[in-house]
Amino acid sequence: MGASEKMPYPKWVWSPAGGWYCHPKQWERNTKIGFVAIAVFTLFTWTYSASKERRLSPPDRPIPSQMWCKYANVDDPGCVFGKKA
């Protein structure tokens, strides 16, 4: 009473997500490699951005990015964060 037969399903299905029961090989290693690649890309982008950041007019309040901005004292002489030149 009550129970019916299992629903038939294809044994092999291709999909971008990996099919019915996805267990990719070495997924932990691949995930770590992906996160390291994202971190390295972010570091280079952050460094490049900080070296190129300029302000056309002095801000009316302290801005956190002035702590690492290369030209903080040049663009805003009254800067409390900037690196000492």
PDB file of N, CA and C in Angstrom:
ATOM      1  N   MET A   1       0.820  -1.188   0.000  1.00  0.00           N
ATOM      2  CA  MET A   1       0.000   0.000   0.000  1.00  0.00           C
ATOM      3  C   MET A   1       0.868   1.257   0.000  1.00  0.00           C
ATOM      4  N   GLY A   2       0.488   2.236  -0.747  1.00  0.00           N
ATOM      5  CA  GLY A   2       1.085   3.550  -0.701  1.00  0.00           C
ATOM      6  C   GLY A   2       2.286   3.777  -1.595  1.00  0.00           C
ATOM      7  N   ALA A   3       3.298   2.968  -1.500  1.00  0.00           N
ATOM      8  CA  ALA A   3       4.534   3.225  -2.239  1.00  0.00           C
ATOM      9  C   ALA A   3       4.371   2.838  -3.698  1.00  0.00           C
ATOM     10  N   SER A   4       4.933   3.662  -4.553  1.00  0.00           N
ATOM     11  CA  SER A   4       4.910   3.346  -5.976  1.00  0.00           C
ATOM     12  C   SER A   4       6.342   3.143  -6.442  1.00  0.00           C
ATOM     13  N   GLU A   5       6.492   2.721  -7.680  1.00  0.00           N
ATOM     14  CA  GLU A   5       7.827   2.508  -8.226  1.00  0.00           C
ATOM     15  C   GLU A   5       8.553   3.841  -8.383  1.00  0.00           C
ATOM     16  N   LYS A   6       9.894   3.763  -8.384  1.00  0.00           N
ATOM     17  CA  LYS A   6      10.684   4.979  -8.559  1.00  0.00           C
ATOM     18  C   LYS A   6      10.433   5.575  -9.935  1.00  0.00           C
ATOM     19  N   MET A   7      10.512   6.877  -9.974  1.00  0.00           N
ATOM     20  CA  MET A   7      10.343   7.598 -11.234  1.00  0.00           C
ATOM     21  C   MET A   7      11.528   7.292 -12.140  1.00  0.00           C
ATOM     22  N   PRO A   8      11.316   6.906 -13.375  1.00  0.00           N
ATOM     23  CA  PRO A   8      12.444   6.648 -14.272  1.00  0.00           C
ATOM     24  C   PRO A   8      13.127   7.967 -14.656  1.00  0.00           C
ATOM     25  N   TYR A   9      14.444   7.948 -14.706  1.00  0.00           N
ATOM     26  CA  TYR A   9      15.201   9.132 -15.106  1.00  0.00           C
ATOM     27  C   TYR A   9      16.378   8.677 -15.947  1.00  0.00           C
ATOM     28  N   PRO A  10      16.867   9.542 -16.807  1.00  0.00           N
ATOM     29  CA  PRO A  10      18.004   9.163 -17.637  1.00  0.00           C
ATOM     30  C   PRO A  10      19.245   8.924 -16.778  1.00  0.00           C
ATOM     31  N   LYS A  11      20.048   7.948 -17.161  1.00  0.00           N
ATOM     32  CA  LYS A  11      21.267   7.643 -16.412  1.00  0.00           C
ATOM     33  C   LYS A  11      22.363   8.664 -16.690  1.00  0.00           C
ATOM     34  N   TRP A  12      22.328   9.316 -17.837  1.00  0.00           N
ATOM     35  CA  TRP A  12      23.359  10.274 -18.181  1.00  0.00           C
ATOM     36  C   TRP A  12      22.699  11.531 -18.716  1.00  0.00           C
ATOM     37  N   VAL A  13      22.990  12.660 -18.105  1.00  0.00           N
ATOM     38  CA  VAL A  13      22.437  13.939 -18.531  1.00  0.00           C
ATOM     39  C   VAL A  13      23.574  14.947 -18.543  1.00  0.00           C
ATOM     40  N   TRP A  14      23.709  15.688 -19.644  1.00  0.00           N
ATOM     41  CA  TRP A  14      24.707  16.748 -19.673  1.00  0.00           C
ATOM     42  C   TRP A  14      24.021  18.059 -19.361  1.00  0.00           C
ATOM     43  N   SER A  15      24.632  18.822 -18.492  1.00  0.00           N
ATOM     44  CA  SER A  15      24.174  20.180 -18.235  1.00  0.00           C
ATOM     45  C   SER A  15      25.364  20.985 -17.736  1.00  0.00           C
ATOM     46  N   PRO A  16      25.307  22.302 -17.877  1.00  0.00           N
ATOM     47  CA  PRO A  16      26.412  23.116 -17.384  1.00  0.00           C
ATOM     48  C   PRO A  16      26.636  22.942 -15.883  1.00  0.00           C
ATOM     49  N   ALA A  17      25.588  22.599 -15.144  1.00  0.00           N
ATOM     50  CA  ALA A  17      25.713  22.426 -13.699  1.00  0.00           C
ATOM     51  C   ALA A  17      26.253  21.052 -13.333  1.00  0.00           C
ATOM     52  N   GLY A  18      26.335  20.136 -14.250  1.00  0.00           N
ATOM     53  CA  GLY A  18      26.953  18.854 -13.962  1.00  0.00           C
ATOM     54  C   GLY A  18      26.039  17.647 -13.966  1.00  0.00           C
ATOM     55  N   GLY A  19      24.819  17.785 -14.380  1.00  0.00           N
ATOM     56  CA  GLY A  19      23.960  16.613 -14.469  1.00  0.00           C
ATOM     57  C   GLY A  19      23.175  16.348 -13.190  1.00  0.00           C
ATOM     58  N   TRP A  20      22.705  15.119 -13.050  1.00  0.00           N
ATOM     59  CA  TRP A  20      21.835  14.768 -11.929  1.00  0.00           C
ATOM     60  C   TRP A  20      22.560  14.802 -10.592  1.00  0.00           C
ATOM     61  N   TYR A  21      23.634  14.107 -10.469  1.00  0.00           N
ATOM     62  CA  TYR A  21      24.359  14.006  -9.198  1.00  0.00           C
ATOM     63  C   TYR A  21      25.803  14.412  -9.446  1.00  0.00           C
ATOM     64  N   CYS A  22      26.059  15.695  -9.323  1.00  0.00           N
ATOM     65  CA  CYS A  22      27.359  16.245  -9.686  1.00  0.00           C
ATOM     66  C   CYS A  22      28.372  16.054  -8.558  1.00  0.00           C
ATOM     67  N   HIS A  23      29.453  15.343  -8.844  1.00  0.00           N
ATOM     68  CA  HIS A  23      30.579  15.184  -7.928  1.00  0.00           C
ATOM     69  C   HIS A  23      31.857  15.331  -8.738  1.00  0.00           C
ATOM     70  N   PRO A  24      32.235  16.572  -9.104  1.00  0.00           N
ATOM     71  CA  PRO A  24      33.418  16.743  -9.934  1.00  0.00           C
ATOM     72  C   PRO A  24      34.685  16.310  -9.204  1.00  0.00           C
ATOM     73  N   LYS A  25      35.624  15.782  -9.975  1.00  0.00           N
ATOM     74  CA  LYS A  25      36.892  15.356  -9.406  1.00  0.00           C
ATOM     75  C   LYS A  25      37.683  16.577  -8.966  1.00  0.00           C
ATOM     76  N   GLN A  26      38.336  16.476  -7.845  1.00  0.00           N
ATOM     77  CA  GLN A  26      39.229  17.504  -7.303  1.00  0.00           C
ATOM     78  C   GLN A  26      38.542  18.865  -7.182  1.00  0.00           C
ATOM     79  N   TRP A  27      37.288  18.868  -6.742  1.00  0.00           N
ATOM     80  CA  TRP A  27      36.561  20.123  -6.645  1.00  0.00           C
ATOM     81  C   TRP A  27      37.155  21.039  -5.582  1.00  0.00           C
ATOM     82  N   GLU A  28      37.696  20.466  -4.510  1.00  0.00           N
ATOM     83  CA  GLU A  28      38.284  21.302  -3.459  1.00  0.00           C
ATOM     84  C   GLU A  28      39.519  22.035  -3.978  1.00  0.00           C
ATOM     85  N   ARG A  29      40.379  21.318  -4.689  1.00  0.00           N
ATOM     86  CA  ARG A  29      41.581  21.930  -5.254  1.00  0.00           C
ATOM     87  C   ARG A  29      41.202  23.012  -6.259  1.00  0.00           C
ATOM     88  N   ASN A  30      40.251  22.709  -7.124  1.00  0.00           N
ATOM     89  CA  ASN A  30      39.825  23.673  -8.140  1.00  0.00           C
ATOM     90  C   ASN A  30      39.219  24.931  -7.500  1.00  0.00           C
ATOM     91  N   THR A  31      38.473  24.747  -6.416  1.00  0.00           N
ATOM     92  CA  THR A  31      37.891  25.886  -5.716  1.00  0.00           C
ATOM     93  C   THR A  31      38.980  26.756  -5.104  1.00  0.00           C
ATOM     94  N   LYS A  32      39.976  26.123  -4.490  1.00  0.00           N
ATOM     95  CA  LYS A  32      41.087  26.883  -3.898  1.00  0.00           C
ATOM     96  C   LYS A  32      41.866  27.643  -4.971  1.00  0.00           C
ATOM     97  N   ILE A  33      42.118  27.005  -6.095  1.00  0.00           N
ATOM     98  CA  ILE A  33      42.825  27.673  -7.194  1.00  0.00           C
ATOM     99  C   ILE A  33      42.023  28.882  -7.675  1.00  0.00           C
ATOM    100  N   GLY A  34      40.722  28.724  -7.783  1.00  0.00           N
ATOM    101  CA  GLY A  34      39.863  29.832  -8.210  1.00  0.00           C
ATOM    102  C   GLY A  34      39.903  31.003  -7.239  1.00  0.00           C
ATOM    103  N   PHE A  35      39.830  30.719  -5.947  1.00  0.00           N
ATOM    104  CA  PHE A  35      39.874  31.791  -4.955  1.00  0.00           C
ATOM    105  C   PHE A  35      41.233  32.481  -4.929  1.00  0.00           C
ATOM    106  N   VAL A  36      42.312  31.722  -5.086  1.00  0.00           N
ATOM    107  CA  VAL A  36      43.649  32.328  -5.137  1.00  0.00           C
ATOM    108  C   VAL A  36      43.769  33.232  -6.365  1.00  0.00           C
ATOM    109  N   ALA A  37      43.254  32.778  -7.503  1.00  0.00           N
ATOM    110  CA  ALA A  37      43.304  33.593  -8.721  1.00  0.00           C
ATOM    111  C   ALA A  37      42.518  34.893  -8.538  1.00  0.00           C
ATOM    112  N   ILE A  38      41.357  34.813  -7.920  1.00  0.00           N
ATOM    113  CA  ILE A  38      40.558  36.014  -7.664  1.00  0.00           C
ATOM    114  C   ILE A  38      41.301  36.957  -6.717  1.00  0.00           C
ATOM    115  N   ALA A  39      41.937  36.406  -5.675  1.00  0.00           N
ATOM    116  CA  ALA A  39      42.681  37.233  -4.716  1.00  0.00           C
ATOM    117  C   ALA A  39      43.860  37.940  -5.380  1.00  0.00           C
ATOM    118  N   VAL A  40      44.597  37.224  -6.239  1.00  0.00           N
ATOM    119  CA  VAL A  40      45.743  37.829  -6.926  1.00  0.00           C
ATOM    120  C   VAL A  40      45.269  38.937  -7.864  1.00  0.00           C
ATOM    121  N   PHE A  41      44.219  38.687  -8.613  1.00  0.00           N
ATOM    122  CA  PHE A  41      43.667  39.701  -9.514  1.00  0.00           C
ATOM    123  C   PHE A  41      43.207  40.935  -8.731  1.00  0.00           C
ATOM    124  N   THR A  42      42.543  40.709  -7.601  1.00  0.00           N
ATOM    125  CA  THR A  42      42.079  41.812  -6.768  1.00  0.00           C
ATOM    126  C   THR A  42      43.250  42.621  -6.220  1.00  0.00           C
ATOM    127  N   LEU A  43      44.313  41.945  -5.796  1.00  0.00           N
ATOM    128  CA  LEU A  43      45.494  42.630  -5.270  1.00  0.00           C
ATOM    129  C   LEU A  43      46.125  43.538  -6.325  1.00  0.00           C
ATOM    130  N   PHE A  44      46.319  43.015  -7.535  1.00  0.00           N
ATOM    131  CA  PHE A  44      46.908  43.830  -8.598  1.00  0.00           C
ATOM    132  C   PHE A  44      45.998  45.000  -8.980  1.00  0.00           C
ATOM    133  N   THR A  45      44.701  44.767  -9.033  1.00  0.00           N
ATOM    134  CA  THR A  45      43.758  45.838  -9.352  1.00  0.00           C
ATOM    135  C   THR A  45      43.781  46.914  -8.266  1.00  0.00           C
ATOM    136  N   TRP A  46      43.788  46.497  -7.011  1.00  0.00           N
ATOM    137  CA  TRP A  46      43.828  47.423  -5.872  1.00  0.00           C
ATOM    138  C   TRP A  46      45.101  48.267  -5.928  1.00  0.00           C
ATOM    139  N   THR A  47      46.238  47.629  -6.150  1.00  0.00           N
ATOM    140  CA  THR A  47      47.521  48.328  -6.190  1.00  0.00           C
ATOM    141  C   THR A  47      47.562  49.338  -7.335  1.00  0.00           C
ATOM    142  N   TYR A  48      47.121  48.927  -8.505  1.00  0.00           N
ATOM    143  CA  TYR A  48      47.104  49.821  -9.666  1.00  0.00           C
ATOM    144  C   TYR A  48      46.176  51.011  -9.414  1.00  0.00           C
ATOM    145  N   SER A  49      45.006  50.737  -8.871  1.00  0.00           N
ATOM    146  CA  SER A  49      44.043  51.796  -8.605  1.00  0.00           C
ATOM    147  C   SER A  49      44.586  52.794  -7.585  1.00  0.00           C
ATOM    148  N   ALA A  50      45.223  52.299  -6.530  1.00  0.00           N
ATOM    149  CA  ALA A  50      45.764  53.189  -5.499  1.00  0.00           C
ATOM    150  C   ALA A  50      46.894  54.052  -6.047  1.00  0.00           C
ATOM    151  N   SER A  51      47.664  53.529  -6.990  1.00  0.00           N
ATOM    152  CA  SER A  51      48.773  54.314  -7.537  1.00  0.00           C
ATOM    153  C   SER A  51      48.295  55.388  -8.516  1.00  0.00           C
ATOM    154  N   LYS A  52      47.103  55.238  -9.081  1.00  0.00           N
ATOM    155  CA  LYS A  52      46.582  56.186 -10.075  1.00  0.00           C
ATOM    156  C   LYS A  52      45.523  57.138  -9.519  1.00  0.00           C
ATOM    157  N   GLU A  53      45.082  56.941  -8.293  1.00  0.00           N
ATOM    158  CA  GLU A  53      43.968  57.718  -7.752  1.00  0.00           C
ATOM    159  C   GLU A  53      44.366  59.179  -7.541  1.00  0.00           C
ATOM    160  N   ARG A  54      43.570  60.083  -8.101  1.00  0.00           N
ATOM    161  CA  ARG A  54      43.782  61.532  -7.948  1.00  0.00           C
ATOM    162  C   ARG A  54      42.436  62.183  -7.644  1.00  0.00           C
ATOM    163  N   ARG A  55      42.490  63.321  -6.972  1.00  0.00           N
ATOM    164  CA  ARG A  55      41.282  64.085  -6.662  1.00  0.00           C
ATOM    165  C   ARG A  55      41.432  65.478  -7.257  1.00  0.00           C
ATOM    166  N   LEU A  56      40.434  65.916  -8.014  1.00  0.00           N
ATOM    167  CA  LEU A  56      40.484  67.229  -8.652  1.00  0.00           C
ATOM    168  C   LEU A  56      40.276  68.352  -7.645  1.00  0.00           C
ATOM    169  N   SER A  57      39.465  68.099  -6.640  1.00  0.00           N
ATOM    170  CA  SER A  57      39.258  69.091  -5.584  1.00  0.00           C
ATOM    171  C   SER A  57      39.348  68.377  -4.237  1.00  0.00           C
ATOM    172  N   PRO A  58      39.844  69.070  -3.222  1.00  0.00           N
ATOM    173  CA  PRO A  58      39.969  68.431  -1.908  1.00  0.00           C
ATOM    174  C   PRO A  58      38.598  68.020  -1.375  1.00  0.00           C
ATOM    175  N   PRO A  59      38.490  66.838  -0.811  1.00  0.00           N
ATOM    176  CA  PRO A  59      37.200  66.407  -0.265  1.00  0.00           C
ATOM    177  C   PRO A  59      36.852  67.212   0.994  1.00  0.00           C
ATOM    178  N   ASP A  60      35.562  67.323   1.288  1.00  0.00           N
ATOM    179  CA  ASP A  60      35.134  68.086   2.459  1.00  0.00           C
ATOM    180  C   ASP A  60      35.213  67.272   3.747  1.00  0.00           C
ATOM    181  N   ARG A  61      35.470  65.985   3.644  1.00  0.00           N
ATOM    182  CA  ARG A  61      35.621  65.114   4.809  1.00  0.00           C
ATOM    183  C   ARG A  61      36.676  64.070   4.496  1.00  0.00           C
ATOM    184  N   PRO A  62      37.277  63.461   5.499  1.00  0.00           N
ATOM    185  CA  PRO A  62      38.278  62.420   5.234  1.00  0.00           C
ATOM    186  C   PRO A  62      37.657  61.225   4.505  1.00  0.00           C
ATOM    187  N   ILE A  63      38.363  60.707   3.533  1.00  0.00           N
ATOM    188  CA  ILE A  63      37.914  59.555   2.758  1.00  0.00           C
ATOM    189  C   ILE A  63      38.880  58.408   3.048  1.00  0.00           C
ATOM    190  N   PRO A  64      38.377  57.220   3.407  1.00  0.00           N
ATOM    191  CA  PRO A  64      39.260  56.118   3.793  1.00  0.00           C
ATOM    192  C   PRO A  64      40.325  55.767   2.757  1.00  0.00           C
ATOM    193  N   SER A  65      40.027  55.912   1.479  1.00  0.00           N
ATOM    194  CA  SER A  65      41.023  55.544   0.472  1.00  0.00           C
ATOM    195  C   SER A  65      42.230  56.470   0.488  1.00  0.00           C
ATOM    196  N   GLN A  66      42.141  57.592   1.188  1.00  0.00           N
ATOM    197  CA  GLN A  66      43.295  58.478   1.302  1.00  0.00           C
ATOM    198  C   GLN A  66      44.399  57.849   2.152  1.00  0.00           C
ATOM    199  N   MET A  67      44.071  56.840   2.935  1.00  0.00           N
ATOM    200  CA  MET A  67      45.087  56.172   3.755  1.00  0.00           C
ATOM    201  C   MET A  67      46.132  55.484   2.892  1.00  0.00           C
ATOM    202  N   TRP A  68      45.740  54.974   1.731  1.00  0.00           N
ATOM    203  CA  TRP A  68      46.685  54.260   0.882  1.00  0.00           C
ATOM    204  C   TRP A  68      46.911  54.961  -0.461  1.00  0.00           C
ATOM    205  N   CYS A  69      46.282  56.100  -0.659  1.00  0.00           N
ATOM    206  CA  CYS A  69      46.433  56.843  -1.907  1.00  0.00           C
ATOM    207  C   CYS A  69      47.823  57.462  -2.003  1.00  0.00           C
ATOM    208  N   LYS A  70      48.445  57.352  -3.163  1.00  0.00           N
ATOM    209  CA  LYS A  70      49.807  57.840  -3.374  1.00  0.00           C
ATOM    210  C   LYS A  70      49.877  59.363  -3.355  1.00  0.00           C
ATOM    211  N   TYR A  71      48.858  60.029  -3.869  1.00  0.00           N
ATOM    212  CA  TYR A  71      48.879  61.479  -4.026  1.00  0.00           C
ATOM    213  C   TYR A  71      47.986  62.200  -3.016  1.00  0.00           C
ATOM    214  N   ALA A  72      47.725  61.620  -1.868  1.00  0.00           N
ATOM    215  CA  ALA A  72      46.794  62.221  -0.910  1.00  0.00           C
ATOM    216  C   ALA A  72      47.265  63.589  -0.441  1.00  0.00           C
ATOM    217  N   ASN A  73      48.537  63.734  -0.087  1.00  0.00           N
ATOM    218  CA  ASN A  73      49.034  65.032   0.392  1.00  0.00           C
ATOM    219  C   ASN A  73      49.157  66.058  -0.726  1.00  0.00           C
ATOM    220  N   VAL A  74      49.385  65.617  -1.937  1.00  0.00           N
ATOM    221  CA  VAL A  74      49.493  66.544  -3.070  1.00  0.00           C
ATOM    222  C   VAL A  74      48.121  67.109  -3.420  1.00  0.00           C
ATOM    223  N   ASP A  75      47.113  66.237  -3.473  1.00  0.00           N
ATOM    224  CA  ASP A  75      45.765  66.662  -3.857  1.00  0.00           C
ATOM    225  C   ASP A  75      45.036  67.384  -2.727  1.00  0.00           C
ATOM    226  N   ASP A  76      45.356  67.044  -1.482  1.00  0.00           N
ATOM    227  CA  ASP A  76      44.695  67.639  -0.326  1.00  0.00           C
ATOM    228  C   ASP A  76      45.743  67.916   0.745  1.00  0.00           C
ATOM    229  N   PRO A  77      46.294  69.140   0.770  1.00  0.00           N
ATOM    230  CA  PRO A  77      47.365  69.440   1.725  1.00  0.00           C
ATOM    231  C   PRO A  77      46.953  69.256   3.184  1.00  0.00           C
ATOM    232  N   GLY A  78      45.700  69.389   3.500  1.00  0.00           N
ATOM    233  CA  GLY A  78      45.238  69.223   4.880  1.00  0.00           C
ATOM    234  C   GLY A  78      44.834  67.805   5.215  1.00  0.00           C
ATOM    235  N   CYS A  79      45.253  66.865   4.421  1.00  0.00           N
ATOM    236  CA  CYS A  79      44.854  65.468   4.604  1.00  0.00           C
ATOM    237  C   CYS A  79      45.406  64.914   5.921  1.00  0.00           C
ATOM    238  N   VAL A  80      44.540  64.252   6.673  1.00  0.00           N
ATOM    239  CA  VAL A  80      44.982  63.651   7.936  1.00  0.00           C
ATOM    240  C   VAL A  80      45.478  62.226   7.737  1.00  0.00           C
ATOM    241  N   PHE A  81      45.154  61.616   6.600  1.00  0.00           N
ATOM    242  CA  PHE A  81      45.509  60.223   6.355  1.00  0.00           C
ATOM    243  C   PHE A  81      46.785  60.042   5.555  1.00  0.00           C
ATOM    244  N   GLY A  82      47.034  60.942   4.616  1.00  0.00           N
ATOM    245  CA  GLY A  82      48.039  60.723   3.577  1.00  0.00           C
ATOM    246  C   GLY A  82      49.427  60.367   4.062  1.00  0.00           C
ATOM    247  N   LYS A  83      50.176  59.718   3.178  1.00  0.00           N
ATOM    248  CA  LYS A  83      51.567  59.378   3.461  1.00  0.00           C
ATOM    249  C   LYS A  83      52.389  60.658   3.476  1.00  0.00           C
ATOM    250  N   LYS A  84      53.338  60.714   4.338  1.00  0.00           N
ATOM    251  CA  LYS A  84      54.192  61.898   4.426  1.00  0.00           C
ATOM    252  C   LYS A  84      55.213  61.879   3.301  1.00  0.00           C
ATOM    253  N   ALA A  85      55.268  62.956   2.537  1.00  0.00           N
ATOM    254  CA  ALA A  85      56.186  63.025   1.397  1.00  0.00           C
ATOM    255  C   ALA A  85      57.533  63.576   1.797  1.00  0.00           C
TER     256      ALA A  85
END
